[in-house]
Amino acid sequence: MNVAVISWNSLISPLFEGAQKALVFRVGAGQVVFSREINLDCPYPLQKMERLCEAGVRTVICGGISDISCRQLSGMGIQVISWVTGSVDEVLDAYIKGRLNREKFAMPGIWRRRCRFRKGCR
């Protein structure tokens, strides 16, 4: 399965729509099998989404994301895990181990509200 982590300087990018790159990891048997970087420097969010689709991404891990972008990604068959913060390495490790849904990885103020830290979209 291909997982894209929307990144900025080895951290999770704070906003999907403003992201310049994604790190795409092929995960299998509980480990990273392959990784590459894709350029998301596009003027429109839909172009970013199309690049993720072309890369075979099935899951996107990101910081903030608009509801419209979240729904569009879901409509393309891509699962969205949003409102995540932390280093790419820690977040990816937690995702692989099934521990990403912890307060440690929620953007400030998100865990207490619980309304926005979700898999998928509303």
PDB file of N, CA and C in Angstrom:
ATOM      1  N   MET A   1       0.840  -1.174   0.000  1.00  0.00           N
ATOM      2  CA  MET A   1       0.000   0.000   0.000  1.00  0.00           C
ATOM      3  C   MET A   1       0.888   1.240   0.000  1.00  0.00           C
ATOM      4  N   ASN A   2       0.517   2.235  -0.779  1.00  0.00           N
ATOM      5  CA  ASN A   2       1.271   3.488  -0.829  1.00  0.00           C
ATOM      6  C   ASN A   2       0.637   4.524   0.094  1.00  0.00           C
ATOM      7  N   VAL A   3       1.464   5.084   0.964  1.00  0.00           N
ATOM      8  CA  VAL A   3       1.049   6.099   1.922  1.00  0.00           C
ATOM      9  C   VAL A   3       1.829   7.374   1.619  1.00  0.00           C
ATOM     10  N   ALA A   4       1.118   8.491   1.495  1.00  0.00           N
ATOM     11  CA  ALA A   4       1.782   9.776   1.281  1.00  0.00           C
ATOM     12  C   ALA A   4       1.748  10.574   2.573  1.00  0.00           C
ATOM     13  N   VAL A   5       2.899  11.054   2.971  1.00  0.00           N
ATOM     14  CA  VAL A   5       3.012  11.932   4.125  1.00  0.00           C
ATOM     15  C   VAL A   5       3.325  13.317   3.565  1.00  0.00           C
ATOM     16  N   ILE A   6       2.426  14.251   3.801  1.00  0.00           N
ATOM     17  CA  ILE A   6       2.598  15.606   3.297  1.00  0.00           C
ATOM     18  C   ILE A   6       3.597  16.301   4.220  1.00  0.00           C
ATOM     19  N   SER A   7       4.748  16.668   3.662  1.00  0.00           N
ATOM     20  CA  SER A   7       5.854  17.087   4.531  1.00  0.00           C
ATOM     21  C   SER A   7       6.400  18.470   4.204  1.00  0.00           C
ATOM     22  N   TRP A   8       7.097  18.987   5.212  1.00  0.00           N
ATOM     23  CA  TRP A   8       7.807  20.261   5.125  1.00  0.00           C
ATOM     24  C   TRP A   8       8.975  20.190   6.092  1.00  0.00           C
ATOM     25  N   ASN A   9      10.194  20.220   5.571  1.00  0.00           N
ATOM     26  CA  ASN A   9      11.403  20.177   6.410  1.00  0.00           C
ATOM     27  C   ASN A   9      11.411  19.029   7.413  1.00  0.00           C
ATOM     28  N   SER A  10      11.117  17.842   6.977  1.00  0.00           N
ATOM     29  CA  SER A  10      11.084  16.604   7.768  1.00  0.00           C
ATOM     30  C   SER A  10       9.970  16.567   8.823  1.00  0.00           C
ATOM     31  N   LEU A  11       9.037  17.513   8.740  1.00  0.00           N
ATOM     32  CA  LEU A  11       7.874  17.532   9.622  1.00  0.00           C
ATOM     33  C   LEU A  11       6.608  17.385   8.774  1.00  0.00           C
ATOM     34  N   ILE A  12       5.498  17.073   9.436  1.00  0.00           N
ATOM     35  CA  ILE A  12       4.215  17.066   8.746  1.00  0.00           C
ATOM     36  C   ILE A  12       3.877  18.510   8.398  1.00  0.00           C
ATOM     37  N   SER A  13       3.545  18.743   7.139  1.00  0.00           N
ATOM     38  CA  SER A  13       3.194  20.099   6.699  1.00  0.00           C
ATOM     39  C   SER A  13       1.920  20.542   7.410  1.00  0.00           C
ATOM     40  N   PRO A  14       1.869  21.785   7.888  1.00  0.00           N
ATOM     41  CA  PRO A  14       0.694  22.227   8.644  1.00  0.00           C
ATOM     42  C   PRO A  14      -0.578  22.370   7.810  1.00  0.00           C
ATOM     43  N   LEU A  15      -0.456  22.452   6.471  1.00  0.00           N
ATOM     44  CA  LEU A  15      -1.648  22.628   5.641  1.00  0.00           C
ATOM     45  C   LEU A  15      -1.471  21.910   4.309  1.00  0.00           C
ATOM     46  N   PHE A  16      -2.381  20.999   3.998  1.00  0.00           N
ATOM     47  CA  PHE A  16      -2.321  20.230   2.754  1.00  0.00           C
ATOM     48  C   PHE A  16      -2.268  21.144   1.538  1.00  0.00           C
ATOM     49  N   GLU A  17      -3.154  22.116   1.478  1.00  0.00           N
ATOM     50  CA  GLU A  17      -3.270  22.962   0.290  1.00  0.00           C
ATOM     51  C   GLU A  17      -2.009  23.778   0.004  1.00  0.00           C
ATOM     52  N   GLY A  18      -1.213  24.055   1.008  1.00  0.00           N
ATOM     53  CA  GLY A  18       0.013  24.826   0.825  1.00  0.00           C
ATOM     54  C   GLY A  18       1.266  23.981   0.666  1.00  0.00           C
ATOM     55  N   ALA A  19       1.115  22.672   0.658  1.00  0.00           N
ATOM     56  CA  ALA A  19       2.271  21.775   0.629  1.00  0.00           C
ATOM     57  C   ALA A  19       3.009  21.828  -0.702  1.00  0.00           C
ATOM     58  N   GLN A  20       4.321  21.688  -0.623  1.00  0.00           N
ATOM     59  CA  GLN A  20       5.179  21.684  -1.806  1.00  0.00           C
ATOM     60  C   GLN A  20       5.628  20.280  -2.199  1.00  0.00           C
ATOM     61  N   LYS A  21       5.595  19.336  -1.232  1.00  0.00           N
ATOM     62  CA  LYS A  21       6.034  17.977  -1.545  1.00  0.00           C
ATOM     63  C   LYS A  21       5.355  16.954  -0.653  1.00  0.00           C
ATOM     64  N   ALA A  22       5.404  15.719  -1.136  1.00  0.00           N
ATOM     65  CA  ALA A  22       4.896  14.585  -0.365  1.00  0.00           C
ATOM     66  C   ALA A  22       5.951  13.494  -0.419  1.00  0.00           C
ATOM     67  N   LEU A  23       6.089  12.807   0.674  1.00  0.00           N
ATOM     68  CA  LEU A  23       6.942  11.631   0.713  1.00  0.00           C
ATOM     69  C   LEU A  23       6.014  10.430   0.599  1.00  0.00           C
ATOM     70  N   VAL A  24       6.244   9.609  -0.403  1.00  0.00           N
ATOM     71  CA  VAL A  24       5.390   8.450  -0.646  1.00  0.00           C
ATOM     72  C   VAL A  24       6.143   7.200  -0.231  1.00  0.00           C
ATOM     73  N   PHE A  25       5.508   6.420   0.619  1.00  0.00           N
ATOM     74  CA  PHE A  25       6.112   5.201   1.142  1.00  0.00           C
ATOM     75  C   PHE A  25       5.256   4.009   0.748  1.00  0.00           C
ATOM     76  N   ARG A  26       5.899   2.972   0.265  1.00  0.00           N
ATOM     77  CA  ARG A  26       5.204   1.703   0.059  1.00  0.00           C
ATOM     78  C   ARG A  26       5.442   0.892   1.322  1.00  0.00           C
ATOM     79  N   VAL A  27       4.348   0.542   1.990  1.00  0.00           N
ATOM     80  CA  VAL A  27       4.427  -0.168   3.260  1.00  0.00           C
ATOM     81  C   VAL A  27       3.930  -1.598   3.052  1.00  0.00           C
ATOM     82  N   GLY A  28       4.704  -2.530   3.545  1.00  0.00           N
ATOM     83  CA  GLY A  28       4.326  -3.927   3.464  1.00  0.00           C
ATOM     84  C   GLY A  28       4.966  -4.713   4.589  1.00  0.00           C
ATOM     85  N   ALA A  29       4.215  -5.636   5.152  1.00  0.00           N
ATOM     86  CA  ALA A  29       4.716  -6.488   6.242  1.00  0.00           C
ATOM     87  C   ALA A  29       5.273  -5.673   7.404  1.00  0.00           C
ATOM     88  N   GLY A  30       4.611  -4.548   7.704  1.00  0.00           N
ATOM     89  CA  GLY A  30       4.996  -3.758   8.864  1.00  0.00           C
ATOM     90  C   GLY A  30       6.264  -2.940   8.704  1.00  0.00           C
ATOM     91  N   GLN A  31       6.680  -2.692   7.470  1.00  0.00           N
ATOM     92  CA  GLN A  31       7.881  -1.893   7.249  1.00  0.00           C
ATOM     93  C   GLN A  31       7.804  -1.160   5.919  1.00  0.00           C
ATOM     94  N   VAL A  32       8.681  -0.167   5.767  1.00  0.00           N
ATOM     95  CA  VAL A  32       8.755   0.580   4.516  1.00  0.00           C
ATOM     96  C   VAL A  32       9.582  -0.231   3.528  1.00  0.00           C
ATOM     97  N   VAL A  33       8.979  -0.499   2.370  1.00  0.00           N
ATOM     98  CA  VAL A  33       9.636  -1.279   1.336  1.00  0.00           C
ATOM     99  C   VAL A  33      10.311  -0.364   0.307  1.00  0.00           C
ATOM    100  N   PHE A  34       9.715   0.799   0.089  1.00  0.00           N
ATOM    101  CA  PHE A  34      10.181   1.709  -0.951  1.00  0.00           C
ATOM    102  C   PHE A  34       9.711   3.107  -0.588  1.00  0.00           C
ATOM    103  N   SER A  35      10.490   4.122  -0.943  1.00  0.00           N
ATOM    104  CA  SER A  35      10.040   5.496  -0.710  1.00  0.00           C
ATOM    105  C   SER A  35      10.532   6.402  -1.832  1.00  0.00           C
ATOM    106  N   ARG A  36       9.775   7.474  -2.039  1.00  0.00           N
ATOM    107  CA  ARG A  36      10.181   8.483  -3.010  1.00  0.00           C
ATOM    108  C   ARG A  36       9.484   9.789  -2.676  1.00  0.00           C
ATOM    109  N   GLU A  37       9.980  10.856  -3.248  1.00  0.00           N
ATOM    110  CA  GLU A  37       9.400  12.182  -3.040  1.00  0.00           C
ATOM    111  C   GLU A  37       8.681  12.595  -4.316  1.00  0.00           C
ATOM    112  N   ILE A  38       7.484  13.194  -4.158  1.00  0.00           N
ATOM    113  CA  ILE A  38       6.810  13.742  -5.330  1.00  0.00           C
ATOM    114  C   ILE A  38       6.576  15.238  -5.115  1.00  0.00           C
ATOM    115  N   ASN A  39       6.662  15.965  -6.195  1.00  0.00           N
ATOM    116  CA  ASN A  39       6.503  17.414  -6.180  1.00  0.00           C
ATOM    117  C   ASN A  39       5.018  17.765  -6.171  1.00  0.00           C
ATOM    118  N   LEU A  40       4.609  18.569  -5.208  1.00  0.00           N
ATOM    119  CA  LEU A  40       3.224  19.042  -5.138  1.00  0.00           C
ATOM    120  C   LEU A  40       3.146  20.548  -5.345  1.00  0.00           C
ATOM    121  N   ASP A  41       4.155  21.121  -5.958  1.00  0.00           N
ATOM    122  CA  ASP A  41       4.191  22.560  -6.192  1.00  0.00           C
ATOM    123  C   ASP A  41       3.270  22.894  -7.363  1.00  0.00           C
ATOM    124  N   CYS A  42       1.964  22.919  -7.082  1.00  0.00           N
ATOM    125  CA  CYS A  42       0.925  23.156  -8.080  1.00  0.00           C
ATOM    126  C   CYS A  42       0.064  24.325  -7.603  1.00  0.00           C
ATOM    127  N   PRO A  43      -0.486  25.092  -8.528  1.00  0.00           N
ATOM    128  CA  PRO A  43      -1.308  26.230  -8.107  1.00  0.00           C
ATOM    129  C   PRO A  43      -2.674  25.851  -7.534  1.00  0.00           C
ATOM    130  N   TYR A  44      -3.155  24.653  -7.853  1.00  0.00           N
ATOM    131  CA  TYR A  44      -4.499  24.266  -7.410  1.00  0.00           C
ATOM    132  C   TYR A  44      -4.462  22.947  -6.641  1.00  0.00           C
ATOM    133  N   PRO A  45      -5.242  22.849  -5.564  1.00  0.00           N
ATOM    134  CA  PRO A  45      -5.264  21.615  -4.776  1.00  0.00           C
ATOM    135  C   PRO A  45      -5.629  20.378  -5.601  1.00  0.00           C
ATOM    136  N   LEU A  46      -6.519  20.520  -6.572  1.00  0.00           N
ATOM    137  CA  LEU A  46      -6.911  19.367  -7.380  1.00  0.00           C
ATOM    138  C   LEU A  46      -5.716  18.781  -8.131  1.00  0.00           C
ATOM    139  N   GLN A  47      -4.782  19.621  -8.551  1.00  0.00           N
ATOM    140  CA  GLN A  47      -3.579  19.128  -9.222  1.00  0.00           C
ATOM    141  C   GLN A  47      -2.711  18.320  -8.252  1.00  0.00           C
ATOM    142  N   LYS A  48      -2.643  18.769  -7.005  1.00  0.00           N
ATOM    143  CA  LYS A  48      -1.905  18.014  -5.989  1.00  0.00           C
ATOM    144  C   LYS A  48      -2.525  16.621  -5.834  1.00  0.00           C
ATOM    145  N   MET A  49      -3.855  16.596  -5.778  1.00  0.00           N
ATOM    146  CA  MET A  49      -4.563  15.334  -5.606  1.00  0.00           C
ATOM    147  C   MET A  49      -4.340  14.395  -6.785  1.00  0.00           C
ATOM    148  N   GLU A  50      -4.338  14.948  -7.984  1.00  0.00           N
ATOM    149  CA  GLU A  50      -4.107  14.132  -9.176  1.00  0.00           C
ATOM    150  C   GLU A  50      -2.709  13.529  -9.162  1.00  0.00           C
ATOM    151  N   ARG A  51      -1.731  14.286  -8.701  1.00  0.00           N
ATOM    152  CA  ARG A  51      -0.364  13.750  -8.605  1.00  0.00           C
ATOM    153  C   ARG A  51      -0.297  12.605  -7.594  1.00  0.00           C
ATOM    154  N   LEU A  52      -1.025  12.743  -6.499  1.00  0.00           N
ATOM    155  CA  LEU A  52      -1.063  11.668  -5.504  1.00  0.00           C
ATOM    156  C   LEU A  52      -1.711  10.412  -6.098  1.00  0.00           C
ATOM    157  N   CYS A  53      -2.807  10.604  -6.842  1.00  0.00           N
ATOM    158  CA  CYS A  53      -3.466   9.463  -7.505  1.00  0.00           C
ATOM    159  C   CYS A  53      -2.513   8.781  -8.488  1.00  0.00           C
ATOM    160  N   GLU A  54      -1.820   9.581  -9.295  1.00  0.00           N
ATOM    161  CA  GLU A  54      -0.878   9.036 -10.276  1.00  0.00           C
ATOM    162  C   GLU A  54       0.233   8.237  -9.606  1.00  0.00           C
ATOM    163  N   ALA A  55       0.573   8.596  -8.369  1.00  0.00           N
ATOM    164  CA  ALA A  55       1.619   7.888  -7.625  1.00  0.00           C
ATOM    165  C   ALA A  55       1.079   6.635  -6.933  1.00  0.00           C
ATOM    166  N   GLY A  56      -0.209   6.359  -7.111  1.00  0.00           N
ATOM    167  CA  GLY A  56      -0.801   5.154  -6.518  1.00  0.00           C
ATOM    168  C   GLY A  56      -1.053   5.253  -5.027  1.00  0.00           C
ATOM    169  N   VAL A  57      -1.181   6.471  -4.528  1.00  0.00           N
ATOM    170  CA  VAL A  57      -1.386   6.685  -3.093  1.00  0.00           C
ATOM    171  C   VAL A  57      -2.794   6.231  -2.691  1.00  0.00           C
ATOM    172  N   ARG A  58      -2.880   5.499  -1.586  1.00  0.00           N
ATOM    173  CA  ARG A  58      -4.166   5.032  -1.050  1.00  0.00           C
ATOM    174  C   ARG A  58      -4.509   5.713   0.273  1.00  0.00           C
ATOM    175  N   THR A  59      -3.499   6.273   0.946  1.00  0.00           N
ATOM    176  CA  THR A  59      -3.697   6.964   2.218  1.00  0.00           C
ATOM    177  C   THR A  59      -2.833   8.216   2.235  1.00  0.00           C
ATOM    178  N   VAL A  60      -3.412   9.325   2.705  1.00  0.00           N
ATOM    179  CA  VAL A  60      -2.679  10.584   2.874  1.00  0.00           C
ATOM    180  C   VAL A  60      -2.679  10.932   4.352  1.00  0.00           C
ATOM    181  N   ILE A  61      -1.511  11.229   4.878  1.00  0.00           N
ATOM    182  CA  ILE A  61      -1.367  11.710   6.248  1.00  0.00           C
ATOM    183  C   ILE A  61      -0.930  13.166   6.143  1.00  0.00           C
ATOM    184  N   CYS A  62      -1.706  14.059   6.765  1.00  0.00           N
ATOM    185  CA  CYS A  62      -1.408  15.488   6.622  1.00  0.00           C
ATOM    186  C   CYS A  62      -1.797  16.238   7.890  1.00  0.00           C
ATOM    187  N   GLY A  63      -1.446  17.504   7.907  1.00  0.00           N
ATOM    188  CA  GLY A  63      -1.871  18.402   8.975  1.00  0.00           C
ATOM    189  C   GLY A  63      -3.282  18.868   8.655  1.00  0.00           C
ATOM    190  N   GLY A  64      -3.480  20.171   8.641  1.00  0.00           N
ATOM    191  CA  GLY A  64      -4.786  20.716   8.320  1.00  0.00           C
ATOM    192  C   GLY A  64      -5.142  20.507   6.859  1.00  0.00           C
ATOM    193  N   ILE A  65      -6.424  20.394   6.590  1.00  0.00           N
ATOM    194  CA  ILE A  65      -6.922  20.219   5.228  1.00  0.00           C
ATOM    195  C   ILE A  65      -8.349  20.741   5.188  1.00  0.00           C
ATOM    196  N   SER A  66      -8.725  21.386   4.102  1.00  0.00           N
ATOM    197  CA  SER A  66     -10.100  21.873   3.984  1.00  0.00           C
ATOM    198  C   SER A  66     -11.052  20.697   3.810  1.00  0.00           C
ATOM    199  N   ASP A  67     -12.285  20.883   4.218  1.00  0.00           N
ATOM    200  CA  ASP A  67     -13.282  19.824   4.046  1.00  0.00           C
ATOM    201  C   ASP A  67     -13.473  19.481   2.581  1.00  0.00           C
ATOM    202  N   ILE A  68     -13.408  20.479   1.711  1.00  0.00           N
ATOM    203  CA  ILE A  68     -13.574  20.232   0.269  1.00  0.00           C
ATOM    204  C   ILE A  68     -12.460  19.328  -0.250  1.00  0.00           C
ATOM    205  N   SER A  69     -11.216  19.642   0.089  1.00  0.00           N
ATOM    206  CA  SER A  69     -10.090  18.808  -0.354  1.00  0.00           C
ATOM    207  C   SER A  69     -10.186  17.408   0.234  1.00  0.00           C
ATOM    208  N   CYS A  70     -10.586  17.326   1.473  1.00  0.00           N
ATOM    209  CA  CYS A  70     -10.724  16.031   2.130  1.00  0.00           C
ATOM    210  C   CYS A  70     -11.773  15.172   1.412  1.00  0.00           C
ATOM    211  N   ARG A  71     -12.900  15.768   1.092  1.00  0.00           N
ATOM    212  CA  ARG A  71     -13.953  15.034   0.387  1.00  0.00           C
ATOM    213  C   ARG A  71     -13.511  14.639  -1.024  1.00  0.00           C
ATOM    214  N   GLN A  72     -12.787  15.511  -1.698  1.00  0.00           N
ATOM    215  CA  GLN A  72     -12.310  15.185  -3.047  1.00  0.00           C
ATOM    216  C   GLN A  72     -11.334  14.010  -3.012  1.00  0.00           C
ATOM    217  N   LEU A  73     -10.415  14.024  -2.059  1.00  0.00           N
ATOM    218  CA  LEU A  73      -9.486  12.898  -1.929  1.00  0.00           C
ATOM    219  C   LEU A  73     -10.242  11.608  -1.629  1.00  0.00           C
ATOM    220  N   SER A  74     -11.200  11.669  -0.731  1.00  0.00           N
ATOM    221  CA  SER A  74     -11.997  10.483  -0.414  1.00  0.00           C
ATOM    222  C   SER A  74     -12.741   9.984  -1.646  1.00  0.00           C
ATOM    223  N   GLY A  75     -13.257  10.926  -2.441  1.00  0.00           N
ATOM    224  CA  GLY A  75     -13.942  10.562  -3.672  1.00  0.00           C
ATOM    225  C   GLY A  75     -13.029   9.893  -4.687  1.00  0.00           C
ATOM    226  N   MET A  76     -11.741  10.138  -4.581  1.00  0.00           N
ATOM    227  CA  MET A  76     -10.749   9.509  -5.460  1.00  0.00           C
ATOM    228  C   MET A  76     -10.287   8.164  -4.899  1.00  0.00           C
ATOM    229  N   GLY A  77     -10.880   7.763  -3.782  1.00  0.00           N
ATOM    230  CA  GLY A  77     -10.507   6.493  -3.169  1.00  0.00           C
ATOM    231  C   GLY A  77      -9.303   6.567  -2.259  1.00  0.00           C
ATOM    232  N   ILE A  78      -8.955   7.777  -1.826  1.00  0.00           N
ATOM    233  CA  ILE A  78      -7.803   7.976  -0.945  1.00  0.00           C
ATOM    234  C   ILE A  78      -8.288   8.268   0.465  1.00  0.00           C
ATOM    235  N   GLN A  79      -7.837   7.474   1.417  1.00  0.00           N
ATOM    236  CA  GLN A  79      -8.168   7.687   2.827  1.00  0.00           C
ATOM    237  C   GLN A  79      -7.341   8.865   3.332  1.00  0.00           C
ATOM    238  N   VAL A  80      -7.963   9.743   4.109  1.00  0.00           N
ATOM    239  CA  VAL A  80      -7.287  10.918   4.647  1.00  0.00           C
ATOM    240  C   VAL A  80      -7.178  10.796   6.161  1.00  0.00           C
ATOM    241  N   ILE A  81      -5.967  10.926   6.668  1.00  0.00           N
ATOM    242  CA  ILE A  81      -5.732  10.993   8.109  1.00  0.00           C
ATOM    243  C   ILE A  81      -5.186  12.400   8.340  1.00  0.00           C
ATOM    244  N   SER A  82      -6.049  13.269   8.858  1.00  0.00           N
ATOM    245  CA  SER A  82      -5.709  14.691   8.935  1.00  0.00           C
ATOM    246  C   SER A  82      -5.503  15.168  10.362  1.00  0.00           C
ATOM    247  N   TRP A  83      -5.064  16.434  10.450  1.00  0.00           N
ATOM    248  CA  TRP A  83      -4.823  17.129  11.714  1.00  0.00           C
ATOM    249  C   TRP A  83      -3.749  16.438  12.536  1.00  0.00           C
ATOM    250  N   VAL A  84      -2.734  15.950  11.817  1.00  0.00           N
ATOM    251  CA  VAL A  84      -1.604  15.243  12.418  1.00  0.00           C
ATOM    252  C   VAL A  84      -0.408  16.184  12.451  1.00  0.00           C
ATOM    253  N   THR A  85       0.393  16.078  13.494  1.00  0.00           N
ATOM    254  CA  THR A  85       1.612  16.865  13.624  1.00  0.00           C
ATOM    255  C   THR A  85       2.739  15.963  14.111  1.00  0.00           C
ATOM    256  N   GLY A  86       3.968  16.396  13.882  1.00  0.00           N
ATOM    257  CA  GLY A  86       5.122  15.638  14.340  1.00  0.00           C
ATOM    258  C   GLY A  86       6.133  15.469  13.222  1.00  0.00           C
ATOM    259  N   SER A  87       7.191  14.738  13.512  1.00  0.00           N
ATOM    260  CA  SER A  87       8.203  14.470  12.494  1.00  0.00           C
ATOM    261  C   SER A  87       7.696  13.362  11.575  1.00  0.00           C
ATOM    262  N   VAL A  88       8.129  13.406  10.337  1.00  0.00           N
ATOM    263  CA  VAL A  88       7.713  12.390   9.368  1.00  0.00           C
ATOM    264  C   VAL A  88       8.069  11.002   9.874  1.00  0.00           C
ATOM    265  N   ASP A  89       9.277  10.826  10.388  1.00  0.00           N
ATOM    266  CA  ASP A  89       9.710   9.506  10.853  1.00  0.00           C
ATOM    267  C   ASP A  89       8.839   8.973  11.986  1.00  0.00           C
ATOM    268  N   GLU A  90       8.560   9.820  12.974  1.00  0.00           N
ATOM    269  CA  GLU A  90       7.729   9.378  14.106  1.00  0.00           C
ATOM    270  C   GLU A  90       6.305   9.069  13.673  1.00  0.00           C
ATOM    271  N   VAL A  91       5.752   9.925  12.832  1.00  0.00           N
ATOM    272  CA  VAL A  91       4.377   9.730  12.374  1.00  0.00           C
ATOM    273  C   VAL A  91       4.261   8.465  11.531  1.00  0.00           C
ATOM    274  N   LEU A  92       5.199   8.258  10.625  1.00  0.00           N
ATOM    275  CA  LEU A  92       5.164   7.058   9.789  1.00  0.00           C
ATOM    276  C   LEU A  92       5.308   5.800  10.637  1.00  0.00           C
ATOM    277  N   ASP A  93       6.208   5.819  11.597  1.00  0.00           N
ATOM    278  CA  ASP A  93       6.383   4.681  12.493  1.00  0.00           C
ATOM    279  C   ASP A  93       5.093   4.400  13.274  1.00  0.00           C
ATOM    280  N   ALA A  94       4.456   5.454  13.788  1.00  0.00           N
ATOM    281  CA  ALA A  94       3.200   5.276  14.521  1.00  0.00           C
ATOM    282  C   ALA A  94       2.106   4.740  13.605  1.00  0.00           C
ATOM    283  N   TYR A  95       2.055   5.212  12.377  1.00  0.00           N
ATOM    284  CA  TYR A  95       1.056   4.725  11.414  1.00  0.00           C
ATOM    285  C   TYR A  95       1.247   3.226  11.159  1.00  0.00           C
ATOM    286  N   ILE A  96       2.475   2.827  10.904  1.00  0.00           N
ATOM    287  CA  ILE A  96       2.769   1.417  10.618  1.00  0.00           C
ATOM    288  C   ILE A  96       2.397   0.541  11.813  1.00  0.00           C
ATOM    289  N   LYS A  97       2.628   1.040  13.024  1.00  0.00           N
ATOM    290  CA  LYS A  97       2.332   0.274  14.242  1.00  0.00           C
ATOM    291  C   LYS A  97       0.886   0.427  14.711  1.00  0.00           C
ATOM    292  N   GLY A  98       0.071   1.203  13.981  1.00  0.00           N
ATOM    293  CA  GLY A  98      -1.330   1.392  14.365  1.00  0.00           C
ATOM    294  C   GLY A  98      -1.522   2.284  15.568  1.00  0.00           C
ATOM    295  N   ARG A  99      -0.595   3.199  15.801  1.00  0.00           N
ATOM    296  CA  ARG A  99      -0.638   4.063  16.990  1.00  0.00           C
ATOM    297  C   ARG A  99      -0.751   5.544  16.653  1.00  0.00           C
ATOM    298  N   LEU A 100      -1.158   5.850  15.446  1.00  0.00           N
ATOM    299  CA  LEU A 100      -1.198   7.246  15.023  1.00  0.00           C
ATOM    300  C   LEU A 100      -2.324   8.037  15.666  1.00  0.00           C
ATOM    301  N   ASN A 101      -3.366   7.392  16.095  1.00  0.00           N
ATOM    302  CA  ASN A 101      -4.516   8.106  16.666  1.00  0.00           C
ATOM    303  C   ASN A 101      -4.328   8.425  18.150  1.00  0.00           C
ATOM    304  N   ARG A 102      -3.200   8.934  18.494  1.00  0.00           N
ATOM    305  CA  ARG A 102      -2.904   9.313  19.877  1.00  0.00           C
ATOM    306  C   ARG A 102      -2.746  10.819  19.982  1.00  0.00           C
ATOM    307  N   GLU A 103      -2.977  11.326  21.175  1.00  0.00           N
ATOM    308  CA  GLU A 103      -2.904  12.764  21.425  1.00  0.00           C
ATOM    309  C   GLU A 103      -1.559  13.350  21.013  1.00  0.00           C
ATOM    310  N   LYS A 104      -0.505  12.600  21.165  1.00  0.00           N
ATOM    311  CA  LYS A 104       0.849  13.057  20.832  1.00  0.00           C
ATOM    312  C   LYS A 104       0.946  13.565  19.394  1.00  0.00           C
ATOM    313  N   PHE A 105       0.157  13.007  18.484  1.00  0.00           N
ATOM    314  CA  PHE A 105       0.251  13.353  17.069  1.00  0.00           C
ATOM    315  C   PHE A 105      -0.858  14.285  16.594  1.00  0.00           C
ATOM    316  N   ALA A 106      -1.705  14.751  17.490  1.00  0.00           N
ATOM    317  CA  ALA A 106      -2.791  15.662  17.112  1.00  0.00           C
ATOM    318  C   ALA A 106      -2.290  17.100  17.133  1.00  0.00           C
ATOM    319  N   MET A 107      -2.720  17.873  16.148  1.00  0.00           N
ATOM    320  CA  MET A 107      -2.363  19.287  16.123  1.00  0.00           C
ATOM    321  C   MET A 107      -2.898  19.952  17.393  1.00  0.00           C
ATOM    322  N   PRO A 108      -2.237  20.995  17.892  1.00  0.00           N
ATOM    323  CA  PRO A 108      -2.679  21.655  19.123  1.00  0.00           C
ATOM    324  C   PRO A 108      -4.153  22.050  19.064  1.00  0.00           C
ATOM    325  N   GLY A 109      -4.876  21.714  20.131  1.00  0.00           N
ATOM    326  CA  GLY A 109      -6.287  22.058  20.225  1.00  0.00           C
ATOM    327  C   GLY A 109      -7.213  21.054  19.574  1.00  0.00           C
ATOM    328  N   ILE A 110      -6.686  20.136  18.784  1.00  0.00           N
ATOM    329  CA  ILE A 110      -7.524  19.193  18.049  1.00  0.00           C
ATOM    330  C   ILE A 110      -7.978  18.036  18.922  1.00  0.00           C
ATOM    331  N   TRP A 111      -7.083  17.493  19.726  1.00  0.00           N
ATOM    332  CA  TRP A 111      -7.432  16.304  20.502  1.00  0.00           C
ATOM    333  C   TRP A 111      -8.591  16.583  21.453  1.00  0.00           C
ATOM    334  N   ARG A 112      -8.571  17.715  22.110  1.00  0.00           N
ATOM    335  CA  ARG A 112      -9.640  18.023  23.069  1.00  0.00           C
ATOM    336  C   ARG A 112     -10.971  18.223  22.362  1.00  0.00           C
ATOM    337  N   ARG A 113     -10.953  18.824  21.197  1.00  0.00           N
ATOM    338  CA  ARG A 113     -12.208  19.031  20.469  1.00  0.00           C
ATOM    339  C   ARG A 113     -12.707  17.736  19.846  1.00  0.00           C
ATOM    340  N   ARG A 114     -11.778  16.862  19.476  1.00  0.00           N
ATOM    341  CA  ARG A 114     -12.063  15.569  18.887  1.00  0.00           C
ATOM    342  C   ARG A 114     -12.894  15.613  17.612  1.00  0.00           C
ATOM    343  N   CYS A 115     -13.420  16.760  17.272  1.00  0.00           N
ATOM    344  CA  CYS A 115     -14.302  16.824  16.117  1.00  0.00           C
ATOM    345  C   CYS A 115     -13.530  16.785  14.806  1.00  0.00           C
ATOM    346  N   ARG A 116     -12.250  17.069  14.824  1.00  0.00           N
ATOM    347  CA  ARG A 116     -11.532  17.157  13.562  1.00  0.00           C
ATOM    348  C   ARG A 116     -10.433  16.111  13.406  1.00  0.00           C
ATOM    349  N   PHE A 117     -10.008  15.453  14.473  1.00  0.00           N
ATOM    350  CA  PHE A 117      -8.969  14.435  14.343  1.00  0.00           C
ATOM    351  C   PHE A 117      -9.640  13.158  13.926  1.00  0.00           C
ATOM    352  N   ARG A 118      -9.556  12.848  12.642  1.00  0.00           N
ATOM    353  CA  ARG A 118     -10.321  11.729  12.139  1.00  0.00           C
ATOM    354  C   ARG A 118      -9.612  11.059  10.987  1.00  0.00           C
ATOM    355  N   LYS A 119     -10.081   9.869  10.700  1.00  0.00           N
ATOM    356  CA  LYS A 119      -9.713   9.203   9.466  1.00  0.00           C
ATOM    357  C   LYS A 119     -10.896   9.424   8.548  1.00  0.00           C
ATOM    358  N   GLY A 120     -10.639   9.865   7.356  1.00  0.00           N
ATOM    359  CA  GLY A 120     -11.729  10.113   6.420  1.00  0.00           C
ATOM    360  C   GLY A 120     -12.262  11.508   6.587  1.00  0.00           C
ATOM    361  N   CYS A 121     -13.429  11.756   6.047  1.00  0.00           N
ATOM    362  CA  CYS A 121     -14.008  13.092   6.029  1.00  0.00           C
ATOM    363  C   CYS A 121     -15.424  13.056   6.559  1.00  0.00           C
ATOM    364  N   ARG A 122     -15.894  14.223   6.903  1.00  0.00           N
ATOM    365  CA  ARG A 122     -17.294  14.340   7.331  1.00  0.00           C
ATOM    366  C   ARG A 122     -18.185  14.469   6.147  1.00  0.00           C
TER     367      ARG A 122
END
